[in-house]
Each structure stands twice: as C-alpha cells, then as structure tokens.
Amino acid sequence: MDAPAPAETTIRLADPADTDTVLSLIREKAENDGSSAMLDLDHGRLRSALSGPSPAVAALLAEQDGSAVGVAIFLRAFSTYLTRPALWLEDLFVRDTSRRQGVGSMLVAELCRVARAEGAVRVDWAVRVTNERAIELYASLGAELRDDFTLCRLDAGGVAALARPDRS
C-alpha cells in the first residue's frame, strides 16, 4: 500500500497570537533533543518578544491542514565585517509526523526570503554535531559547514558573575 501523500504545507510569519503554538513547538523540540530540563518557558515573555515594531525574535510557522508542524525561530543580527544586517536562526524544528516531506527546507527557504527582503547578507546558525540528519539537510541546501569557530555561551550564572559591580 502506498504511503499517503504529504499534506500541503504553508509557511507564514507567526504573530503574538501564535505564542501558545510556538511555545508548544519549543517544548516538543526540547523533548526531542533531550533538553527538557533546560526549559524556563513563559507565555508573557515570549509574547512580548514577538510583539512591537522591532520584535526581539520572530518565528516562521509551517502548517499542514491548519495545524503547526514546524517552526523556525530567528533573530535580527548584524555582520560587523560587512556592516550589513544578517539573521540568526535560533531554532528549527519539524514534528516527527512531517519530517522527510521538505518542511525543514521550506522553512529555511522562507527564512532566506525574509533575509533578502530585509537586506540581510547572510543567515547563520549552529547545529549539534550529533544531529546528522540536520547536518545532511543543511549541506544539501548549500550551507557552508564551518569548523573554524567554536560556539561560546555564558549561562545566566556566568552572566551574573561577570556583571557583578565589583568585577573589573
């Protein structure tokens, strides 16, 4: 028996009214990554971040049959070397039921259309070295897989420690 044809997928920019949907997809991504313990989700904070004339974050939603099946969460960035805008893809997630249907590729392609419309010269992101399927996808899309950078992070404790007034 043939597998059912994938549902038609549409991609749209999320708005503050989509906060619960975006939170649900973030939660599902964290569960999928084994990172649920790291979550500190807050509806009000995310809604605020998605709001206003210059939102702190934006999200693209992939929908099939009226239900969200994927998300690309991104931030506006800036290339100092090129002195032009860039975008940072913070998270990309597609639900298991919609994987291998081109949804991830569609989200990245739409993000690139947003980048062009905003005059951004590039889109950057990080991927776990253990996420082989994502790495294969990104390579197939023409992404340059760089190994000359190391991702650095100060968590909340590190930020607080370094921001202390007595630290010089």
Protein backbone atom coordinates (compact mmCIF):
# COMPACT_ATOMS: atom_id res chain seq x y z
CA MET A 1 0.00 0.00 0.00
CA ASP A 2 1.30 3.44 -0.91
CA ALA A 3 2.02 5.96 1.81
CA PRO A 4 -0.42 8.88 1.87
CA ALA A 5 0.72 11.98 0.05
CA PRO A 6 2.09 14.66 2.35
CA ALA A 7 -0.33 17.41 3.20
CA GLU A 8 0.10 20.79 1.55
CA THR A 9 2.45 22.89 3.65
CA THR A 10 2.17 26.63 4.08
CA ILE A 11 4.72 28.86 5.78
CA ARG A 12 3.77 32.10 7.49
CA LEU A 13 5.24 34.59 9.91
CA ALA A 14 3.98 33.99 13.44
CA ASP A 15 2.37 36.84 15.33
CA PRO A 16 1.86 37.33 19.08
CA ALA A 17 -1.44 35.42 18.89
CA ASP A 18 0.62 32.32 17.96
CA THR A 19 2.55 32.37 21.24
CA ASP A 20 0.99 29.16 22.60
CA THR A 21 1.72 27.33 19.35
CA VAL A 22 5.34 28.49 19.30
CA LEU A 23 5.76 27.51 22.96
CA SER A 24 4.34 24.06 22.21
CA LEU A 25 6.82 23.55 19.37
CA ILE A 26 9.73 24.76 21.55
CA ARG A 27 8.68 22.30 24.25
CA GLU A 28 8.46 19.48 21.72
CA LYS A 29 11.88 20.35 20.31
CA ALA A 30 13.41 20.31 23.78
CA GLU A 31 11.84 16.91 24.48
CA ASN A 32 13.12 15.64 21.14
CA ASP A 33 16.65 16.92 21.95
CA GLY A 34 16.58 15.57 25.50
CA SER A 35 16.83 19.13 26.81
CA SER A 36 13.51 19.50 28.65
CA ALA A 37 15.27 20.17 31.96
CA MET A 38 16.67 23.39 30.48
CA LEU A 39 13.24 24.89 29.76
CA ASP A 40 12.01 28.01 31.53
CA LEU A 41 9.14 28.91 29.21
CA ASP A 42 6.94 31.89 29.91
CA HIS A 43 3.98 32.87 27.75
CA GLY A 44 4.19 36.58 28.61
CA ARG A 45 7.93 36.84 27.90
CA LEU A 46 7.61 35.14 24.52
CA ARG A 47 4.53 37.13 23.55
CA SER A 48 6.35 40.34 24.42
CA ALA A 49 9.42 39.25 22.45
CA LEU A 50 7.26 38.57 19.37
CA SER A 51 5.48 41.95 19.67
CA GLY A 52 6.05 45.54 18.71
CA PRO A 53 7.59 47.39 15.79
CA SER A 54 11.03 45.84 16.38
CA PRO A 55 10.37 42.42 17.95
CA ALA A 56 13.27 40.77 19.77
CA VAL A 57 12.52 37.48 18.00
CA ALA A 58 10.47 36.27 15.07
CA ALA A 59 9.15 32.87 14.06
CA LEU A 60 8.01 31.22 10.88
CA LEU A 61 5.34 28.56 11.28
CA ALA A 62 4.91 25.63 8.90
CA GLU A 63 1.32 24.45 8.81
CA GLN A 64 -0.41 21.42 7.31
CA ASP A 65 -4.20 21.11 7.39
CA GLY A 66 -4.40 24.13 9.69
CA SER A 67 -2.03 22.70 12.31
CA ALA A 68 1.51 23.81 13.06
CA VAL A 69 4.05 21.13 12.14
CA GLY A 70 7.26 23.14 12.28
CA VAL A 71 8.90 26.35 13.34
CA ALA A 72 11.97 28.44 12.53
CA ILE A 73 12.76 30.94 15.28
CA PHE A 74 15.15 33.71 14.30
CA LEU A 75 16.71 36.99 15.40
CA ARG A 76 17.96 40.02 13.57
CA ALA A 77 21.75 40.23 13.71
CA PHE A 78 24.47 42.36 12.18
CA SER A 79 27.65 41.48 10.31
CA THR A 80 30.34 43.83 11.56
CA TYR A 81 32.75 42.78 8.80
CA LEU A 82 30.18 43.55 6.10
CA THR A 83 28.41 46.36 8.03
CA ARG A 84 25.07 44.94 6.95
CA PRO A 85 22.16 43.11 8.54
CA ALA A 86 22.16 39.33 8.98
CA LEU A 87 19.78 36.81 10.50
CA TRP A 88 20.48 34.23 13.19
CA LEU A 89 18.40 31.04 13.08
CA GLU A 90 18.00 30.16 16.75
CA ASP A 91 15.88 27.02 16.38
CA LEU A 92 14.47 24.91 13.58
CA PHE A 93 12.07 22.11 14.41
CA VAL A 94 9.71 19.89 12.43
CA ARG A 95 7.38 17.43 14.15
CA ASP A 96 8.15 13.76 13.56
CA THR A 97 4.93 13.25 11.59
CA SER A 98 6.00 15.84 9.00
CA ARG A 99 9.69 15.05 8.64
CA ARG A 100 11.14 13.94 5.32
CA GLN A 101 8.47 15.96 3.49
CA GLY A 102 10.60 19.03 2.75
CA VAL A 103 9.15 21.10 5.61
CA GLY A 104 12.58 21.97 7.05
CA SER A 105 13.80 23.02 3.61
CA MET A 106 10.70 25.16 3.13
CA LEU A 107 11.28 26.90 6.46
CA VAL A 108 14.92 27.66 5.61
CA ALA A 109 13.93 28.87 2.13
CA GLU A 110 11.31 31.21 3.60
CA LEU A 111 13.85 32.47 6.12
CA CYS A 112 16.12 33.28 3.19
CA ARG A 113 13.28 35.21 1.54
CA VAL A 114 12.87 37.20 4.77
CA ALA A 115 16.63 37.82 4.79
CA ARG A 116 16.60 39.15 1.23
CA ALA A 117 13.56 41.34 1.90
CA GLU A 118 15.33 42.84 4.93
CA GLY A 119 18.64 43.34 3.10
CA ALA A 120 20.41 40.71 5.20
CA VAL A 121 23.62 39.41 3.65
CA ARG A 122 23.63 36.03 5.38
CA VAL A 123 21.84 33.61 7.67
CA ASP A 124 23.85 31.89 10.41
CA TRP A 125 23.00 29.10 12.83
CA ALA A 126 24.55 26.34 14.89
CA VAL A 127 23.78 22.64 14.78
CA ARG A 128 24.69 19.90 17.23
CA VAL A 129 27.50 17.79 15.82
CA THR A 130 25.46 14.70 16.72
CA ASN A 131 22.45 15.80 14.64
CA GLU A 132 23.48 14.03 11.46
CA ARG A 133 20.09 14.34 9.73
CA ALA A 134 20.08 18.12 10.21
CA ILE A 135 23.68 18.39 9.02
CA GLU A 136 22.77 16.42 5.89
CA LEU A 137 19.80 18.71 5.28
CA TYR A 138 21.83 21.88 5.70
CA ALA A 139 24.60 20.60 3.43
CA SER A 140 22.02 19.67 0.78
CA LEU A 141 20.71 23.24 0.91
CA GLY A 142 24.18 24.59 0.18
CA ALA A 143 25.06 25.71 3.71
CA GLU A 144 28.75 26.11 4.42
CA LEU A 145 29.54 23.78 7.32
CA ARG A 146 32.29 25.58 9.20
CA ASP A 147 34.60 24.05 11.74
CA ASP A 148 36.78 27.11 12.31
CA PHE A 149 34.53 28.53 15.04
CA THR A 150 33.58 27.33 18.50
CA LEU A 151 30.21 28.25 19.95
CA CYS A 152 30.65 30.07 23.26
CA ARG A 153 28.00 30.63 25.88
CA LEU A 154 27.69 32.28 29.26
CA ASP A 155 24.61 30.97 31.04
CA ALA A 156 22.62 33.09 33.50
CA GLY A 157 25.06 32.28 36.32
CA GLY A 158 28.05 33.21 34.20
CA VAL A 159 26.45 36.48 33.11
CA ALA A 160 25.60 37.35 36.72
CA ALA A 161 29.12 36.54 37.90
CA LEU A 162 30.80 38.67 35.25
CA ALA A 163 28.29 41.52 35.58
CA ARG A 164 28.92 41.99 39.29
CA PRO A 165 29.84 45.64 40.04
CA ASP A 166 32.94 44.58 41.99
CA ARG A 167 34.35 42.75 38.94
CA SER A 168 36.67 44.81 36.82
